[in-house]
PDB file of N, CA and C in Angstrom:
ATOM      1  N   UNK A   1      73.137  88.189 121.217  1.00  0.00           N
ATOM      2  CA  UNK A   1      74.026  88.602 122.287  1.00  0.00           C
ATOM      3  C   UNK A   1      75.349  89.145 121.736  1.00  0.00           C
ATOM      4  N   UNK A   2      75.799  88.603 120.606  1.00  0.00           N
ATOM      5  CA  UNK A   2      77.044  89.098 119.998  1.00  0.00           C
ATOM      6  C   UNK A   2      76.924  90.562 119.595  1.00  0.00           C
ATOM      7  N   UNK A   3      75.773  90.950 119.054  1.00  0.00           N
ATOM      8  CA  UNK A   3      75.583  92.343 118.644  1.00  0.00           C
ATOM      9  C   UNK A   3      75.732  93.276 119.847  1.00  0.00           C
ATOM     10  N   UNK A   4      75.169  92.875 120.964  1.00  0.00           N
ATOM     11  CA  UNK A   4      75.273  93.662 122.202  1.00  0.00           C
ATOM     12  C   UNK A   4      76.727  93.825 122.609  1.00  0.00           C
ATOM     13  N   UNK A   5      77.477  92.740 122.615  1.00  0.00           N
ATOM     14  CA  UNK A   5      78.885  92.791 123.005  1.00  0.00           C
ATOM     15  C   UNK A   5      79.701  93.649 122.030  1.00  0.00           C
ATOM     16  N   UNK A   6      79.457  93.497 120.747  1.00  0.00           N
ATOM     17  CA  UNK A   6      80.181  94.291 119.743  1.00  0.00           C
ATOM     18  C   UNK A   6      79.848  95.779 119.890  1.00  0.00           C
ATOM     19  N   UNK A   7      78.602  96.077 120.188  1.00  0.00           N
ATOM     20  CA  UNK A   7      78.195  97.474 120.341  1.00  0.00           C
ATOM     21  C   UNK A   7      78.841  98.081 121.583  1.00  0.00           C
ATOM     22  N   UNK A   8      78.855  97.341 122.688  1.00  0.00           N
ATOM     23  CA  UNK A   8      79.522  97.837 123.898  1.00  0.00           C
ATOM     24  C   UNK A   8      81.004  98.094 123.627  1.00  0.00           C
ATOM     25  N   UNK A   9      81.634  97.186 122.890  1.00  0.00           N
ATOM     26  CA  UNK A   9      83.053  97.344 122.558  1.00  0.00           C
ATOM     27  C   UNK A   9      83.275  98.595 121.711  1.00  0.00           C
ATOM     28  N   UNK A  10      82.411  98.813 120.726  1.00  0.00           N
ATOM     29  CA  UNK A  10      82.541  99.989 119.852  1.00  0.00           C
ATOM     30  C   UNK A  10      82.368 101.280 120.641  1.00  0.00           C
ATOM     31  N   UNK A  11      81.381 101.316 121.509  1.00  0.00           N
ATOM     32  CA  UNK A  11      81.132 102.516 122.327  1.00  0.00           C
ATOM     33  C   UNK A  11      82.340 102.799 123.223  1.00  0.00           C
ATOM     34  N   UNK A  12      82.888 101.749 123.811  1.00  0.00           N
ATOM     35  CA  UNK A  12      84.072 101.903 124.662  1.00  0.00           C
ATOM     36  C   UNK A  12      85.260 102.401 123.845  1.00  0.00           C
ATOM     37  N   UNK A  13      85.484 101.795 122.668  1.00  0.00           N
ATOM     38  CA  UNK A  13      86.594 102.199 121.800  1.00  0.00           C
ATOM     39  C   UNK A  13      86.493 103.655 121.375  1.00  0.00           C
ATOM     40  N   UNK A  14      85.258 104.130 121.215  1.00  0.00           N
ATOM     41  CA  UNK A  14      85.042 105.506 120.784  1.00  0.00           C
ATOM     42  C   UNK A  14      85.088 106.494 121.947  1.00  0.00           C
ATOM     43  N   UNK A  15      85.155 105.975 123.163  1.00  0.00           N
ATOM     44  CA  UNK A  15      85.217 106.849 124.334  1.00  0.00           C
ATOM     45  C   UNK A  15      83.898 107.529 124.645  1.00  0.00           C
ATOM     46  N   UNK A  16      82.802 106.931 124.203  1.00  0.00           N
ATOM     47  CA  UNK A  16      81.487 107.520 124.443  1.00  0.00           C
ATOM     48  C   UNK A  16      80.937 107.046 125.781  1.00  0.00           C
ATOM     49  N   UNK A  17      80.230 107.926 126.453  1.00  0.00           N
ATOM     50  CA  UNK A  17      79.587 107.524 127.708  1.00  0.00           C
ATOM     51  C   UNK A  17      78.079 107.457 127.468  1.00  0.00           C
ATOM     52  N   UNK A  18      77.692 106.452 126.688  1.00  0.00           N
ATOM     53  CA  UNK A  18      76.273 106.250 126.420  1.00  0.00           C
ATOM     54  C   UNK A  18      75.888 104.846 126.872  1.00  0.00           C
ATOM     55  N   UNK A  19      74.620 104.700 127.190  1.00  0.00           N
ATOM     56  CA  UNK A  19      74.124 103.417 127.679  1.00  0.00           C
ATOM     57  C   UNK A  19      73.803 102.492 126.518  1.00  0.00           C
ATOM     58  N   UNK A  20      74.298 101.275 126.604  1.00  0.00           N
ATOM     59  CA  UNK A  20      73.984 100.232 125.628  1.00  0.00           C
ATOM     60  C   UNK A  20      73.035  99.274 126.325  1.00  0.00           C
ATOM     61  N   UNK A  21      71.887  99.048 125.717  1.00  0.00           N
ATOM     62  CA  UNK A  21      70.846  98.244 126.345  1.00  0.00           C
ATOM     63  C   UNK A  21      70.545  97.011 125.498  1.00  0.00           C
ATOM     64  N   UNK A  22      70.330  95.893 126.159  1.00  0.00           N
ATOM     65  CA  UNK A  22      69.990  94.628 125.499  1.00  0.00           C
ATOM     66  C   UNK A  22      68.506  94.386 125.749  1.00  0.00           C
ATOM     67  N   UNK A  23      67.709  94.497 124.716  1.00  0.00           N
ATOM     68  CA  UNK A  23      66.257  94.392 124.867  1.00  0.00           C
ATOM     69  C   UNK A  23      65.777  93.049 124.339  1.00  0.00           C
ATOM     70  N   UNK A  24      65.035  92.344 125.185  1.00  0.00           N
ATOM     71  CA  UNK A  24      64.465  91.053 124.783  1.00  0.00           C
ATOM     72  C   UNK A  24      62.942  91.070 124.826  1.00  0.00           C
ATOM     73  N   UNK A  25      62.359  92.166 125.300  1.00  0.00           N
ATOM     74  CA  UNK A  25      60.901  92.291 125.394  1.00  0.00           C
ATOM     75  C   UNK A  25      60.314  92.421 123.982  1.00  0.00           C
ATOM     76  N   UNK A  26      59.602  91.378 123.553  1.00  0.00           N
ATOM     77  CA  UNK A  26      59.065  91.352 122.184  1.00  0.00           C
ATOM     78  C   UNK A  26      58.120  92.523 121.899  1.00  0.00           C
ATOM     79  N   UNK A  27      57.375  92.965 122.886  1.00  0.00           N
ATOM     80  CA  UNK A  27      56.465  94.100 122.692  1.00  0.00           C
ATOM     81  C   UNK A  27      57.256  95.351 122.316  1.00  0.00           C
ATOM     82  N   UNK A  28      58.329  95.603 123.053  1.00  0.00           N
ATOM     83  CA  UNK A  28      59.157  96.782 122.771  1.00  0.00           C
ATOM     84  C   UNK A  28      59.838  96.653 121.407  1.00  0.00           C
ATOM     85  N   UNK A  29      60.299  95.447 121.088  1.00  0.00           N
ATOM     86  CA  UNK A  29      60.950  95.209 119.803  1.00  0.00           C
ATOM     87  C   UNK A  29      59.957  95.473 118.663  1.00  0.00           C
ATOM     88  N   UNK A  30      58.742  95.012 118.820  1.00  0.00           N
ATOM     89  CA  UNK A  30      57.711  95.219 117.791  1.00  0.00           C
ATOM     90  C   UNK A  30      57.355  96.700 117.647  1.00  0.00           C
ATOM     91  N   UNK A  31      57.419  97.450 118.742  1.00  0.00           N
ATOM     92  CA  UNK A  31      57.136  98.888 118.681  1.00  0.00           C
ATOM     93  C   UNK A  31      58.126  99.611 117.768  1.00  0.00           C
ATOM     94  N   UNK A  32      59.334  99.092 117.672  1.00  0.00           N
ATOM     95  CA  UNK A  32      60.343  99.675 116.775  1.00  0.00           C
ATOM     96  C   UNK A  32      60.134  99.239 115.326  1.00  0.00           C
ATOM     97  N   UNK A  33      59.257  98.280 115.096  1.00  0.00           N
ATOM     98  CA  UNK A  33      59.016  97.790 113.747  1.00  0.00           C
ATOM     99  C   UNK A  33      60.087  96.838 113.253  1.00  0.00           C
ATOM    100  N   UNK A  34      60.825  96.249 114.163  1.00  0.00           N
ATOM    101  CA  UNK A  34      61.899  95.324 113.805  1.00  0.00           C
ATOM    102  C   UNK A  34      61.297  94.013 113.317  1.00  0.00           C
ATOM    103  N   UNK A  35      61.703  93.585 112.130  1.00  0.00           N
ATOM    104  CA  UNK A  35      61.187  92.352 111.552  1.00  0.00           C
ATOM    105  C   UNK A  35      62.202  91.213 111.581  1.00  0.00           C
ATOM    106  N   UNK A  36      63.480  91.533 111.742  1.00  0.00           N
ATOM    107  CA  UNK A  36      64.498  90.486 111.837  1.00  0.00           C
ATOM    108  C   UNK A  36      65.537  90.904 112.875  1.00  0.00           C
ATOM    109  N   UNK A  37      66.028  89.907 113.554  1.00  0.00           N
ATOM    110  CA  UNK A  37      66.960  90.150 114.645  1.00  0.00           C
ATOM    111  C   UNK A  37      68.367  89.750 114.227  1.00  0.00           C
ATOM    112  N   UNK A  38      69.407  90.281 114.807  1.00  0.00           N
ATOM    113  CA  UNK A  38      69.384  91.335 115.816  1.00  0.00           C
ATOM    114  C   UNK A  38      69.145  92.694 115.175  1.00  0.00           C
ATOM    115  N   UNK A  39      68.821  93.657 116.007  1.00  0.00           N
ATOM    116  CA  UNK A  39      68.615  95.018 115.530  1.00  0.00           C
ATOM    117  C   UNK A  39      69.420  95.972 116.405  1.00  0.00           C
ATOM    118  N   UNK A  40      69.806  97.080 115.816  1.00  0.00           N
ATOM    119  CA  UNK A  40      70.516  98.123 116.550  1.00  0.00           C
ATOM    120  C   UNK A  40      69.685  99.390 116.454  1.00  0.00           C
ATOM    121  N   UNK A  41      69.333  99.941 117.597  1.00  0.00           N
ATOM    122  CA  UNK A  41      68.525 101.150 117.673  1.00  0.00           C
ATOM    123  C   UNK A  41      69.370 102.224 118.330  1.00  0.00           C
ATOM    124  N   UNK A  42      69.446 103.392 117.679  1.00  0.00           N
ATOM    125  CA  UNK A  42      70.194 104.522 118.228  1.00  0.00           C
ATOM    126  C   UNK A  42      69.232 105.702 118.299  1.00  0.00           C
ATOM    127  N   UNK A  43      69.107 106.267 119.486  1.00  0.00           N
ATOM    128  CA  UNK A  43      68.202 107.395 119.700  1.00  0.00           C
ATOM    129  C   UNK A  43      66.804 107.116 119.163  1.00  0.00           C
ATOM    130  N   UNK A  44      66.278 105.936 119.503  1.00  0.00           N
ATOM    131  CA  UNK A  44      64.916 105.516 119.164  1.00  0.00           C
ATOM    132  C   UNK A  44      64.697 105.244 117.675  1.00  0.00           C
ATOM    133  N   UNK A  45      65.791 105.156 116.895  1.00  0.00           N
ATOM    134  CA  UNK A  45      65.675 104.893 115.461  1.00  0.00           C
ATOM    135  C   UNK A  45      66.424 103.607 115.126  1.00  0.00           C
ATOM    136  N   UNK A  46      65.770 102.704 114.399  1.00  0.00           N
ATOM    137  CA  UNK A  46      66.415 101.466 113.975  1.00  0.00           C
ATOM    138  C   UNK A  46      67.438 101.812 112.891  1.00  0.00           C
ATOM    139  N   UNK A  47      68.702 101.485 113.148  1.00  0.00           N
ATOM    140  CA  UNK A  47      69.763 101.809 112.183  1.00  0.00           C
ATOM    141  C   UNK A  47      70.355 100.568 111.534  1.00  0.00           C
ATOM    142  N   UNK A  48      70.041  99.388 112.076  1.00  0.00           N
ATOM    143  CA  UNK A  48      70.506  98.138 111.490  1.00  0.00           C
ATOM    144  C   UNK A  48      69.616  97.017 111.999  1.00  0.00           C
ATOM    145  N   UNK A  49      69.310  96.066 111.098  1.00  0.00           N
ATOM    146  CA  UNK A  49      68.593  94.876 111.543  1.00  0.00           C
ATOM    147  C   UNK A  49      68.910  93.706 110.636  1.00  0.00           C
ATOM    148  N   UNK A  50      68.838  92.524 111.239  1.00  0.00           N
ATOM    149  CA  UNK A  50      69.019  91.309 110.467  1.00  0.00           C
ATOM    150  C   UNK A  50      70.439  90.831 110.293  1.00  0.00           C
ATOM    151  N   UNK A  51      71.413  91.545 110.878  1.00  0.00           N
ATOM    152  CA  UNK A  51      72.792  91.075 110.772  1.00  0.00           C
ATOM    153  C   UNK A  51      73.579  91.508 111.998  1.00  0.00           C
ATOM    154  N   UNK A  52      74.548  90.681 112.359  1.00  0.00           N
ATOM    155  CA  UNK A  52      75.423  90.997 113.489  1.00  0.00           C
ATOM    156  C   UNK A  52      76.572  91.841 112.960  1.00  0.00           C
ATOM    157  N   UNK A  53      76.653  93.065 113.445  1.00  0.00           N
ATOM    158  CA  UNK A  53      77.734  93.965 113.037  1.00  0.00           C
ATOM    159  C   UNK A  53      78.945  93.745 113.932  1.00  0.00           C
ATOM    160  N   UNK A  54      80.122  93.784 113.356  1.00  0.00           N
ATOM    161  CA  UNK A  54      81.366  93.738 114.124  1.00  0.00           C
ATOM    162  C   UNK A  54      81.540  95.106 114.799  1.00  0.00           C
ATOM    163  N   UNK A  55      82.377  95.163 115.816  1.00  0.00           N
ATOM    164  CA  UNK A  55      82.601  96.414 116.546  1.00  0.00           C
ATOM    165  C   UNK A  55      83.032  97.533 115.594  1.00  0.00           C
ATOM    166  N   UNK A  56      83.909  97.228 114.650  1.00  0.00           N
ATOM    167  CA  UNK A  56      84.382  98.249 113.701  1.00  0.00           C
ATOM    168  C   UNK A  56      83.230  98.772 112.845  1.00  0.00           C
ATOM    169  N   UNK A  57      82.295  97.900 112.475  1.00  0.00           N
ATOM    170  CA  UNK A  57      81.141  98.327 111.686  1.00  0.00           C
ATOM    171  C   UNK A  57      80.217  99.211 112.508  1.00  0.00           C
ATOM    172  N   UNK A  58      80.065  98.881 113.783  1.00  0.00           N
ATOM    173  CA  UNK A  58      79.248  99.721 114.668  1.00  0.00           C
ATOM    174  C   UNK A  58      79.888 101.094 114.797  1.00  0.00           C
ATOM    175  N   UNK A  59      81.207 101.128 114.933  1.00  0.00           N
ATOM    176  CA  UNK A  59      81.913 102.408 115.033  1.00  0.00           C
ATOM    177  C   UNK A  59      81.682 103.251 113.782  1.00  0.00           C
ATOM    178  N   UNK A  60      81.797 102.655 112.599  1.00  0.00           N
ATOM    179  CA  UNK A  60      81.564 103.386 111.349  1.00  0.00           C
ATOM    180  C   UNK A  60      80.149 103.941 111.311  1.00  0.00           C
ATOM    181  N   UNK A  61      79.195 103.129 111.712  1.00  0.00           N
ATOM    182  CA  UNK A  61      77.802 103.542 111.722  1.00  0.00           C
ATOM    183  C   UNK A  61      77.587 104.697 112.699  1.00  0.00           C
ATOM    184  N   UNK A  62      78.191 104.597 113.874  1.00  0.00           N
ATOM    185  CA  UNK A  62      78.053 105.666 114.867  1.00  0.00           C
ATOM    186  C   UNK A  62      78.668 106.966 114.365  1.00  0.00           C
ATOM    187  N   UNK A  63      79.797 106.878 113.667  1.00  0.00           N
ATOM    188  CA  UNK A  63      80.415 108.082 113.090  1.00  0.00           C
ATOM    189  C   UNK A  63      79.476 108.703 112.048  1.00  0.00           C
ATOM    190  N   UNK A  64      78.837 107.883 111.224  1.00  0.00           N
ATOM    191  CA  UNK A  64      77.889 108.396 110.230  1.00  0.00           C
ATOM    192  C   UNK A  64      76.721 109.101 110.898  1.00  0.00           C
ATOM    193  N   UNK A  65      76.367 108.647 112.100  1.00  0.00           N
ATOM    194  CA  UNK A  65      75.253 109.240 112.839  1.00  0.00           C
ATOM    195  C   UNK A  65      75.675 110.479 113.637  1.00  0.00           C
ATOM    196  N   UNK A  66      76.958 110.816 113.560  1.00  0.00           N
ATOM    197  CA  UNK A  66      77.426 112.033 114.209  1.00  0.00           C
ATOM    198  C   UNK A  66      78.019 111.852 115.590  1.00  0.00           C
ATOM    199  N   UNK A  67      78.355 110.630 115.960  1.00  0.00           N
ATOM    200  CA  UNK A  67      78.960 110.392 117.271  1.00  0.00           C
ATOM    201  C   UNK A  67      80.457 110.383 117.171  1.00  0.00           C
TER     202      UNK A  67
END
């Protein structure tokens, strides 16, 4: 849940109007190939898994992805 909150905070700080979704459906999670939680998926691609990123880290990652 912390990853979700940090991601929402980062998106808000960046002024982006994108949807942040919290997925708990194991079938959907497995479809992404996620082996450790939490995971961060951007545009259907897993960009982080296995660690809770702080909002600032999410922002850096989003900038690297071109946001």
